[in-house]
Amino acid sequence: MTIKYDKNKIIDIIKYPIITDKTTKSIEDNVYFFQVKKQSNKYEIKQAIELVFSVKVKKINTMNTPPKTKRIGKFKGYLTQNKKAIITLHNKYKIKLFEDS
């Protein structure tokens, strides 16, 4: 069963790539980390990645990040919760996150 989604809604699912020391090392193994909308599921994330980057997704793992507390003086609040997607691609595909110089 295939469900077609609106292309504009699919593109809005991906917020930004997560770039840290650990994630840049995992790029060599064809594993990429993205911050995505909290309401999205694995199927929607897969469609969004394949549409935006023209690649074939092998596996997707997702996790909800817990809210972090933030203090400003005596006031205490929470930062927003997000969902993190760990995406593994097939061997012959790559996502170009950095410009080669």
PDB file of N, CA and C in Angstrom:
ATOM      1  N   MET A   1       0.834  -1.176   0.000  1.00  0.00           N
ATOM      2  CA  MET A   1       0.000   0.000   0.000  1.00  0.00           C
ATOM      3  C   MET A   1       0.880   1.242   0.000  1.00  0.00           C
ATOM      4  N   THR A   2       0.772   2.045  -1.034  1.00  0.00           N
ATOM      5  CA  THR A   2       1.548   3.280  -1.104  1.00  0.00           C
ATOM      6  C   THR A   2       0.624   4.466  -0.928  1.00  0.00           C
ATOM      7  N   ILE A   3       1.070   5.377  -0.102  1.00  0.00           N
ATOM      8  CA  ILE A   3       0.302   6.583   0.169  1.00  0.00           C
ATOM      9  C   ILE A   3       1.074   7.756  -0.420  1.00  0.00           C
ATOM     10  N   LYS A   4       0.417   8.571  -1.211  1.00  0.00           N
ATOM     11  CA  LYS A   4       1.038   9.748  -1.801  1.00  0.00           C
ATOM     12  C   LYS A   4       0.769  10.949  -0.902  1.00  0.00           C
ATOM     13  N   TYR A   5       1.823  11.704  -0.610  1.00  0.00           N
ATOM     14  CA  TYR A   5       1.705  12.908   0.197  1.00  0.00           C
ATOM     15  C   TYR A   5       2.003  14.120  -0.679  1.00  0.00           C
ATOM     16  N   ASP A   6       1.566  15.275  -0.239  1.00  0.00           N
ATOM     17  CA  ASP A   6       1.834  16.515  -0.938  1.00  0.00           C
ATOM     18  C   ASP A   6       3.334  16.815  -0.855  1.00  0.00           C
ATOM     19  N   LYS A   7       3.962  17.204  -1.976  1.00  0.00           N
ATOM     20  CA  LYS A   7       5.405  17.426  -2.007  1.00  0.00           C
ATOM     21  C   LYS A   7       5.839  18.544  -1.072  1.00  0.00           C
ATOM     22  N   ASN A   8       5.042  19.595  -0.947  1.00  0.00           N
ATOM     23  CA  ASN A   8       5.417  20.697  -0.058  1.00  0.00           C
ATOM     24  C   ASN A   8       5.416  20.258   1.398  1.00  0.00           C
ATOM     25  N   LYS A   9       4.484  19.410   1.785  1.00  0.00           N
ATOM     26  CA  LYS A   9       4.439  18.914   3.161  1.00  0.00           C
ATOM     27  C   LYS A   9       5.603  17.962   3.429  1.00  0.00           C
ATOM     28  N   ILE A  10       5.968  17.174   2.426  1.00  0.00           N
ATOM     29  CA  ILE A  10       7.076  16.228   2.594  1.00  0.00           C
ATOM     30  C   ILE A  10       8.396  16.965   2.766  1.00  0.00           C
ATOM     31  N   ILE A  11       8.611  18.006   1.996  1.00  0.00           N
ATOM     32  CA  ILE A  11       9.857  18.765   2.086  1.00  0.00           C
ATOM     33  C   ILE A  11       9.982  19.449   3.440  1.00  0.00           C
ATOM     34  N   ASP A  12       8.870  19.871   4.037  1.00  0.00           N
ATOM     35  CA  ASP A  12       8.898  20.555   5.331  1.00  0.00           C
ATOM     36  C   ASP A  12       9.194  19.606   6.493  1.00  0.00           C
ATOM     37  N   ILE A  13       9.176  18.310   6.281  1.00  0.00           N
ATOM     38  CA  ILE A  13       9.451  17.350   7.354  1.00  0.00           C
ATOM     39  C   ILE A  13      10.892  17.465   7.837  1.00  0.00           C
ATOM     40  N   ILE A  14      11.838  17.627   6.920  1.00  0.00           N
ATOM     41  CA  ILE A  14      13.258  17.716   7.277  1.00  0.00           C
ATOM     42  C   ILE A  14      13.560  19.133   7.702  1.00  0.00           C
ATOM     43  N   LYS A  15      14.060  19.302   8.934  1.00  0.00           N
ATOM     44  CA  LYS A  15      14.410  20.634   9.418  1.00  0.00           C
ATOM     45  C   LYS A  15      15.839  21.008   9.036  1.00  0.00           C
ATOM     46  N   TYR A  16      16.806  20.211   9.504  1.00  0.00           N
ATOM     47  CA  TYR A  16      18.207  20.488   9.196  1.00  0.00           C
ATOM     48  C   TYR A  16      19.049  19.256   9.520  1.00  0.00           C
ATOM     49  N   PRO A  17      20.241  19.144   8.901  1.00  0.00           N
ATOM     50  CA  PRO A  17      21.136  18.029   9.255  1.00  0.00           C
ATOM     51  C   PRO A  17      21.849  18.332  10.575  1.00  0.00           C
ATOM     52  N   ILE A  18      22.108  17.293  11.347  1.00  0.00           N
ATOM     53  CA  ILE A  18      22.841  17.444  12.599  1.00  0.00           C
ATOM     54  C   ILE A  18      24.311  17.207  12.296  1.00  0.00           C
ATOM     55  N   ILE A  19      25.139  18.230  12.533  1.00  0.00           N
ATOM     56  CA  ILE A  19      26.558  18.145  12.197  1.00  0.00           C
ATOM     57  C   ILE A  19      27.377  18.319  13.474  1.00  0.00           C
ATOM     58  N   THR A  20      27.943  17.221  13.947  1.00  0.00           N
ATOM     59  CA  THR A  20      28.849  17.215  15.094  1.00  0.00           C
ATOM     60  C   THR A  20      30.045  16.350  14.722  1.00  0.00           C
ATOM     61  N   ASP A  21      31.000  16.215  15.642  1.00  0.00           N
ATOM     62  CA  ASP A  21      32.159  15.364  15.373  1.00  0.00           C
ATOM     63  C   ASP A  21      31.739  13.916  15.151  1.00  0.00           C
ATOM     64  N   LYS A  22      30.835  13.440  15.987  1.00  0.00           N
ATOM     65  CA  LYS A  22      30.403  12.049  15.893  1.00  0.00           C
ATOM     66  C   LYS A  22      29.644  11.792  14.585  1.00  0.00           C
ATOM     67  N   THR A  23      28.778  12.728  14.183  1.00  0.00           N
ATOM     68  CA  THR A  23      27.997  12.508  12.966  1.00  0.00           C
ATOM     69  C   THR A  23      28.851  12.628  11.706  1.00  0.00           C
ATOM     70  N   THR A  24      29.863  13.497  11.710  1.00  0.00           N
ATOM     71  CA  THR A  24      30.722  13.585  10.528  1.00  0.00           C
ATOM     72  C   THR A  24      31.570  12.330  10.356  1.00  0.00           C
ATOM     73  N   LYS A  25      31.923  11.663  11.451  1.00  0.00           N
ATOM     74  CA  LYS A  25      32.646  10.390  11.339  1.00  0.00           C
ATOM     75  C   LYS A  25      31.742   9.299  10.768  1.00  0.00           C
ATOM     76  N   SER A  26      30.454   9.360  11.100  1.00  0.00           N
ATOM     77  CA  SER A  26      29.536   8.326  10.625  1.00  0.00           C
ATOM     78  C   SER A  26      29.160   8.503   9.155  1.00  0.00           C
ATOM     79  N   ILE A  27      29.442   9.674   8.586  1.00  0.00           N
ATOM     80  CA  ILE A  27      29.165   9.897   7.158  1.00  0.00           C
ATOM     81  C   ILE A  27      29.999   8.942   6.298  1.00  0.00           C
ATOM     82  N   GLU A  28      31.192   8.580   6.767  1.00  0.00           N
ATOM     83  CA  GLU A  28      32.021   7.625   6.037  1.00  0.00           C
ATOM     84  C   GLU A  28      31.347   6.258   5.921  1.00  0.00           C
ATOM     85  N   ASP A  29      30.508   5.918   6.898  1.00  0.00           N
ATOM     86  CA  ASP A  29      29.777   4.650   6.882  1.00  0.00           C
ATOM     87  C   ASP A  29      28.415   4.780   6.207  1.00  0.00           C
ATOM     88  N   ASN A  30      28.170   5.924   5.570  1.00  0.00           N
ATOM     89  CA  ASN A  30      26.913   6.202   4.858  1.00  0.00           C
ATOM     90  C   ASN A  30      25.722   6.323   5.807  1.00  0.00           C
ATOM     91  N   VAL A  31      25.954   6.896   6.986  1.00  0.00           N
ATOM     92  CA  VAL A  31      24.912   7.135   7.976  1.00  0.00           C
ATOM     93  C   VAL A  31      24.807   8.636   8.198  1.00  0.00           C
ATOM     94  N   TYR A  32      23.598   9.170   8.093  1.00  0.00           N
ATOM     95  CA  TYR A  32      23.362  10.614   8.212  1.00  0.00           C
ATOM     96  C   TYR A  32      22.341  10.879   9.305  1.00  0.00           C
ATOM     97  N   PHE A  33      22.468  12.015   9.976  1.00  0.00           N
ATOM     98  CA  PHE A  33      21.580  12.399  11.068  1.00  0.00           C
ATOM     99  C   PHE A  33      20.834  13.668  10.674  1.00  0.00           C
ATOM    100  N   PHE A  34      19.515  13.667  10.853  1.00  0.00           N
ATOM    101  CA  PHE A  34      18.695  14.829  10.536  1.00  0.00           C
ATOM    102  C   PHE A  34      17.731  15.119  11.683  1.00  0.00           C
ATOM    103  N   GLN A  35      17.445  16.389  11.882  1.00  0.00           N
ATOM    104  CA  GLN A  35      16.387  16.811  12.796  1.00  0.00           C
ATOM    105  C   GLN A  35      15.113  16.901  11.967  1.00  0.00           C
ATOM    106  N   VAL A  36      14.048  16.257  12.417  1.00  0.00           N
ATOM    107  CA  VAL A  36      12.798  16.214  11.655  1.00  0.00           C
ATOM    108  C   VAL A  36      11.641  16.653  12.544  1.00  0.00           C
ATOM    109  N   LYS A  37      10.477  16.840  11.927  1.00  0.00           N
ATOM    110  CA  LYS A  37       9.284  17.214  12.690  1.00  0.00           C
ATOM    111  C   LYS A  37       8.895  16.096  13.643  1.00  0.00           C
ATOM    112  N   LYS A  38       8.377  16.477  14.786  1.00  0.00           N
ATOM    113  CA  LYS A  38       8.025  15.499  15.823  1.00  0.00           C
ATOM    114  C   LYS A  38       6.867  14.598  15.401  1.00  0.00           C
ATOM    115  N   GLN A  39       5.950  15.098  14.584  1.00  0.00           N
ATOM    116  CA  GLN A  39       4.769  14.327  14.192  1.00  0.00           C
ATOM    117  C   GLN A  39       5.033  13.355  13.048  1.00  0.00           C
ATOM    118  N   SER A  40       6.184  13.430  12.414  1.00  0.00           N
ATOM    119  CA  SER A  40       6.433  12.609  11.232  1.00  0.00           C
ATOM    120  C   SER A  40       6.767  11.171  11.617  1.00  0.00           C
ATOM    121  N   ASN A  41       6.450  10.243  10.711  1.00  0.00           N
ATOM    122  CA  ASN A  41       6.775   8.835  10.939  1.00  0.00           C
ATOM    123  C   ASN A  41       7.895   8.418   9.981  1.00  0.00           C
ATOM    124  N   LYS A  42       8.337   7.164  10.102  1.00  0.00           N
ATOM    125  CA  LYS A  42       9.481   6.693   9.319  1.00  0.00           C
ATOM    126  C   LYS A  42       9.195   6.700   7.821  1.00  0.00           C
ATOM    127  N   TYR A  43       7.983   6.362   7.447  1.00  0.00           N
ATOM    128  CA  TYR A  43       7.643   6.322   6.025  1.00  0.00           C
ATOM    129  C   TYR A  43       7.704   7.722   5.409  1.00  0.00           C
ATOM    130  N   GLU A  44       7.187   8.723   6.115  1.00  0.00           N
ATOM    131  CA  GLU A  44       7.233  10.104   5.618  1.00  0.00           C
ATOM    132  C   GLU A  44       8.666  10.612   5.548  1.00  0.00           C
ATOM    133  N   ILE A  45       9.484  10.270   6.536  1.00  0.00           N
ATOM    134  CA  ILE A  45      10.885  10.697   6.531  1.00  0.00           C
ATOM    135  C   ILE A  45      11.618  10.068   5.356  1.00  0.00           C
ATOM    136  N   LYS A  46      11.356   8.795   5.092  1.00  0.00           N
ATOM    137  CA  LYS A  46      11.992   8.108   3.961  1.00  0.00           C
ATOM    138  C   LYS A  46      11.619   8.777   2.648  1.00  0.00           C
ATOM    139  N   GLN A  47      10.337   9.089   2.460  1.00  0.00           N
ATOM    140  CA  GLN A  47       9.912   9.768   1.237  1.00  0.00           C
ATOM    141  C   GLN A  47      10.571  11.127   1.090  1.00  0.00           C
ATOM    142  N   ALA A  48      10.693  11.863   2.185  1.00  0.00           N
ATOM    143  CA  ALA A  48      11.286  13.202   2.138  1.00  0.00           C
ATOM    144  C   ALA A  48      12.760  13.141   1.763  1.00  0.00           C
ATOM    145  N   ILE A  49      13.511  12.233   2.364  1.00  0.00           N
ATOM    146  CA  ILE A  49      14.940  12.107   2.064  1.00  0.00           C
ATOM    147  C   ILE A  49      15.148  11.686   0.619  1.00  0.00           C
ATOM    148  N   GLU A  50      14.359  10.710   0.154  1.00  0.00           N
ATOM    149  CA  GLU A  50      14.516  10.249  -1.225  1.00  0.00           C
ATOM    150  C   GLU A  50      14.112  11.317  -2.230  1.00  0.00           C
ATOM    151  N   LEU A  51      13.137  12.146  -1.901  1.00  0.00           N
ATOM    152  CA  LEU A  51      12.700  13.203  -2.807  1.00  0.00           C
ATOM    153  C   LEU A  51      13.696  14.360  -2.854  1.00  0.00           C
ATOM    154  N   VAL A  52      14.170  14.799  -1.701  1.00  0.00           N
ATOM    155  CA  VAL A  52      15.034  15.975  -1.638  1.00  0.00           C
ATOM    156  C   VAL A  52      16.442  15.678  -2.157  1.00  0.00           C
ATOM    157  N   PHE A  53      17.015  14.539  -1.761  1.00  0.00           N
ATOM    158  CA  PHE A  53      18.413  14.258  -2.080  1.00  0.00           C
ATOM    159  C   PHE A  53      18.603  13.265  -3.227  1.00  0.00           C
ATOM    160  N   SER A  54      17.547  12.692  -3.771  1.00  0.00           N
ATOM    161  CA  SER A  54      17.616  11.724  -4.874  1.00  0.00           C
ATOM    162  C   SER A  54      18.516  10.539  -4.534  1.00  0.00           C
ATOM    163  N   VAL A  55      18.256   9.915  -3.396  1.00  0.00           N
ATOM    164  CA  VAL A  55      19.013   8.751  -2.942  1.00  0.00           C
ATOM    165  C   VAL A  55      18.046   7.634  -2.580  1.00  0.00           C
ATOM    166  N   LYS A  56      18.577   6.453  -2.288  1.00  0.00           N
ATOM    167  CA  LYS A  56      17.780   5.305  -1.878  1.00  0.00           C
ATOM    168  C   LYS A  56      18.100   4.995  -0.415  1.00  0.00           C
ATOM    169  N   VAL A  57      17.084   5.015   0.438  1.00  0.00           N
ATOM    170  CA  VAL A  57      17.256   4.800   1.875  1.00  0.00           C
ATOM    171  C   VAL A  57      17.195   3.306   2.183  1.00  0.00           C
ATOM    172  N   LYS A  58      18.161   2.834   2.963  1.00  0.00           N
ATOM    173  CA  LYS A  58      18.216   1.432   3.356  1.00  0.00           C
ATOM    174  C   LYS A  58      17.496   1.213   4.687  1.00  0.00           C
ATOM    175  N   LYS A  59      17.740   2.097   5.660  1.00  0.00           N
ATOM    176  CA  LYS A  59      17.196   1.906   7.000  1.00  0.00           C
ATOM    177  C   LYS A  59      17.037   3.258   7.689  1.00  0.00           C
ATOM    178  N   ILE A  60      16.006   3.370   8.529  1.00  0.00           N
ATOM    179  CA  ILE A  60      15.769   4.592   9.295  1.00  0.00           C
ATOM    180  C   ILE A  60      15.531   4.224  10.755  1.00  0.00           C
ATOM    181  N   ASN A  61      16.237   4.907  11.647  1.00  0.00           N
ATOM    182  CA  ASN A  61      15.977   4.826  13.077  1.00  0.00           C
ATOM    183  C   ASN A  61      15.578   6.221  13.539  1.00  0.00           C
ATOM    184  N   THR A  62      14.599   6.296  14.426  1.00  0.00           N
ATOM    185  CA  THR A  62      14.178   7.597  14.944  1.00  0.00           C
ATOM    186  C   THR A  62      14.199   7.574  16.457  1.00  0.00           C
ATOM    187  N   MET A  63      14.380   8.752  17.035  1.00  0.00           N
ATOM    188  CA  MET A  63      14.294   8.889  18.484  1.00  0.00           C
ATOM    189  C   MET A  63      13.810  10.280  18.843  1.00  0.00           C
ATOM    190  N   ASN A  64      13.008  10.343  19.893  1.00  0.00           N
ATOM    191  CA  ASN A  64      12.527  11.622  20.399  1.00  0.00           C
ATOM    192  C   ASN A  64      13.518  12.129  21.434  1.00  0.00           C
ATOM    193  N   THR A  65      13.992  13.351  21.232  1.00  0.00           N
ATOM    194  CA  THR A  65      14.918  13.934  22.198  1.00  0.00           C
ATOM    195  C   THR A  65      14.127  14.523  23.355  1.00  0.00           C
ATOM    196  N   PRO A  66      14.591  14.357  24.585  1.00  0.00           N
ATOM    197  CA  PRO A  66      13.853  14.900  25.728  1.00  0.00           C
ATOM    198  C   PRO A  66      13.961  16.419  25.776  1.00  0.00           C
ATOM    199  N   PRO A  67      12.973  17.097  26.381  1.00  0.00           N
ATOM    200  CA  PRO A  67      13.052  18.554  26.471  1.00  0.00           C
ATOM    201  C   PRO A  67      14.148  18.972  27.446  1.00  0.00           C
ATOM    202  N   LYS A  68      14.891  20.006  27.105  1.00  0.00           N
ATOM    203  CA  LYS A  68      15.959  20.491  27.972  1.00  0.00           C
ATOM    204  C   LYS A  68      15.461  21.710  28.743  1.00  0.00           C
ATOM    205  N   THR A  69      15.887  21.822  29.988  1.00  0.00           N
ATOM    206  CA  THR A  69      15.475  22.976  30.790  1.00  0.00           C
ATOM    207  C   THR A  69      16.405  24.142  30.521  1.00  0.00           C
ATOM    208  N   LYS A  70      15.851  25.341  30.553  1.00  0.00           N
ATOM    209  CA  LYS A  70      16.600  26.566  30.306  1.00  0.00           C
ATOM    210  C   LYS A  70      16.224  27.558  31.389  1.00  0.00           C
ATOM    211  N   ARG A  71      17.219  28.177  31.994  1.00  0.00           N
ATOM    212  CA  ARG A  71      16.961  29.160  33.039  1.00  0.00           C
ATOM    213  C   ARG A  71      17.409  30.527  32.578  1.00  0.00           C
ATOM    214  N   ILE A  72      16.592  31.514  32.863  1.00  0.00           N
ATOM    215  CA  ILE A  72      16.958  32.912  32.672  1.00  0.00           C
ATOM    216  C   ILE A  72      16.620  33.605  33.985  1.00  0.00           C
ATOM    217  N   GLY A  73      17.643  33.851  34.802  1.00  0.00           N
ATOM    218  CA  GLY A  73      17.417  34.421  36.127  1.00  0.00           C
ATOM    219  C   GLY A  73      16.673  33.437  37.003  1.00  0.00           C
ATOM    220  N   LYS A  74      15.566  33.896  37.569  1.00  0.00           N
ATOM    221  CA  LYS A  74      14.778  33.014  38.427  1.00  0.00           C
ATOM    222  C   LYS A  74      13.718  32.235  37.662  1.00  0.00           C
ATOM    223  N   PHE A  75      13.582  32.510  36.385  1.00  0.00           N
ATOM    224  CA  PHE A  75      12.562  31.849  35.574  1.00  0.00           C
ATOM    225  C   PHE A  75      13.134  30.596  34.926  1.00  0.00           C
ATOM    226  N   LYS A  76      12.300  29.570  34.879  1.00  0.00           N
ATOM    227  CA  LYS A  76      12.721  28.281  34.344  1.00  0.00           C
ATOM    228  C   LYS A  76      11.730  27.869  33.262  1.00  0.00           C
ATOM    229  N   GLY A  77      12.251  27.387  32.136  1.00  0.00           N
ATOM    230  CA  GLY A  77      11.391  26.935  31.053  1.00  0.00           C
ATOM    231  C   GLY A  77      12.024  25.753  30.345  1.00  0.00           C
ATOM    232  N   TYR A  78      11.372  25.310  29.298  1.00  0.00           N
ATOM    233  CA  TYR A  78      11.838  24.152  28.543  1.00  0.00           C
ATOM    234  C   TYR A  78      12.029  24.523  27.081  1.00  0.00           C
ATOM    235  N   LEU A  79      13.086  23.966  26.485  1.00  0.00           N
ATOM    236  CA  LEU A  79      13.270  24.073  25.045  1.00  0.00           C
ATOM    237  C   LEU A  79      12.362  23.050  24.379  1.00  0.00           C
ATOM    238  N   THR A  80      12.055  23.249  23.115  1.00  0.00           N
ATOM    239  CA  THR A  80      11.118  22.375  22.434  1.00  0.00           C
ATOM    240  C   THR A  80      11.708  20.985  22.203  1.00  0.00           C
ATOM    241  N   GLN A  81      10.829  19.996  22.181  1.00  0.00           N
ATOM    242  CA  GLN A  81      11.224  18.635  21.868  1.00  0.00           C
ATOM    243  C   GLN A  81      11.313  18.480  20.361  1.00  0.00           C
ATOM    244  N   ASN A  82      12.249  17.654  19.914  1.00  0.00           N
ATOM    245  CA  ASN A  82      12.394  17.360  18.502  1.00  0.00           C
ATOM    246  C   ASN A  82      12.540  15.870  18.313  1.00  0.00           C
ATOM    247  N   LYS A  83      12.537  15.467  17.064  1.00  0.00           N
ATOM    248  CA  LYS A  83      12.761  14.063  16.709  1.00  0.00           C
ATOM    249  C   LYS A  83      14.031  14.009  15.875  1.00  0.00           C
ATOM    250  N   LYS A  84      14.868  13.028  16.156  1.00  0.00           N
ATOM    251  CA  LYS A  84      16.116  12.841  15.442  1.00  0.00           C
ATOM    252  C   LYS A  84      15.982  11.600  14.572  1.00  0.00           C
ATOM    253  N   ALA A  85      16.366  11.704  13.299  1.00  0.00           N
ATOM    254  CA  ALA A  85      16.304  10.572  12.380  1.00  0.00           C
ATOM    255  C   ALA A  85      17.723  10.171  11.994  1.00  0.00           C
ATOM    256  N   ILE A  86      18.037   8.890  12.155  1.00  0.00           N
ATOM    257  CA  ILE A  86      19.334   8.341  11.772  1.00  0.00           C
ATOM    258  C   ILE A  86      19.092   7.519  10.510  1.00  0.00           C
ATOM    259  N   ILE A  87      19.674   7.975   9.406  1.00  0.00           N
ATOM    260  CA  ILE A  87      19.351   7.420   8.096  1.00  0.00           C
ATOM    261  C   ILE A  87      20.568   6.713   7.519  1.00  0.00           C
ATOM    262  N   THR A  88      20.383   5.455   7.140  1.00  0.00           N
ATOM    263  CA  THR A  88      21.423   4.675   6.483  1.00  0.00           C
ATOM    264  C   THR A  88      21.047   4.531   5.016  1.00  0.00           C
ATOM    265  N   LEU A  89      21.999   4.858   4.142  1.00  0.00           N
ATOM    266  CA  LEU A  89      21.764   4.780   2.700  1.00  0.00           C
ATOM    267  C   LEU A  89      22.393   3.519   2.129  1.00  0.00           C
ATOM    268  N   HIS A  90      21.934   3.144   0.937  1.00  0.00           N
ATOM    269  CA  HIS A  90      22.573   2.052   0.209  1.00  0.00           C
ATOM    270  C   HIS A  90      23.982   2.490  -0.181  1.00  0.00           C
ATOM    271  N   ASN A  91      24.858   1.532  -0.442  1.00  0.00           N
ATOM    272  CA  ASN A  91      26.287   1.806  -0.621  1.00  0.00           C
ATOM    273  C   ASN A  91      26.610   2.739  -1.773  1.00  0.00           C
ATOM    274  N   LYS A  92      25.860   2.676  -2.861  1.00  0.00           N
ATOM    275  CA  LYS A  92      26.241   3.480  -4.024  1.00  0.00           C
ATOM    276  C   LYS A  92      25.721   4.919  -3.968  1.00  0.00           C
ATOM    277  N   TYR A  93      24.979   5.296  -2.925  1.00  0.00           N
ATOM    278  CA  TYR A  93      24.430   6.646  -2.808  1.00  0.00           C
ATOM    279  C   TYR A  93      25.159   7.443  -1.733  1.00  0.00           C
ATOM    280  N   LYS A  94      25.259   8.762  -1.955  1.00  0.00           N
ATOM    281  CA  LYS A  94      25.875   9.690  -1.004  1.00  0.00           C
ATOM    282  C   LYS A  94      25.044  10.971  -0.974  1.00  0.00           C
ATOM    283  N   ILE A  95      25.011  11.623   0.189  1.00  0.00           N
ATOM    284  CA  ILE A  95      24.417  12.947   0.325  1.00  0.00           C
ATOM    285  C   ILE A  95      25.552  13.933   0.492  1.00  0.00           C
ATOM    286  N   LYS A  96      25.570  14.965  -0.328  1.00  0.00           N
ATOM    287  CA  LYS A  96      26.644  15.940  -0.299  1.00  0.00           C
ATOM    288  C   LYS A  96      26.240  17.070   0.650  1.00  0.00           C
ATOM    289  N   LEU A  97      26.708  17.002   1.894  1.00  0.00           N
ATOM    290  CA  LEU A  97      26.401  18.042   2.887  1.00  0.00           C
ATOM    291  C   LEU A  97      27.427  19.164   2.867  1.00  0.00           C
ATOM    292  N   PHE A  98      28.672  18.844   2.505  1.00  0.00           N
ATOM    293  CA  PHE A  98      29.751  19.825   2.518  1.00  0.00           C
ATOM    294  C   PHE A  98      30.234  20.077   1.092  1.00  0.00           C
ATOM    295  N   GLU A  99      30.608  21.313   0.830  1.00  0.00           N
ATOM    296  CA  GLU A  99      31.183  21.650  -0.469  1.00  0.00           C
ATOM    297  C   GLU A  99      32.653  21.250  -0.489  1.00  0.00           C
ATOM    298  N   ASP A 100      33.102  20.615  -1.552  1.00  0.00           N
ATOM    299  CA  ASP A 100      34.514  20.269  -1.683  1.00  0.00           C
ATOM    300  C   ASP A 100      35.280  21.500  -2.122  1.00  0.00           C
ATOM    301  N   SER A 101      36.410  21.739  -1.470  1.00  0.00           N
ATOM    302  CA  SER A 101      37.204  22.920  -1.841  1.00  0.00           C
ATOM    303  C   SER A 101      38.594  22.535  -2.267  1.00  0.00           C
TER     304      SER A 101
END
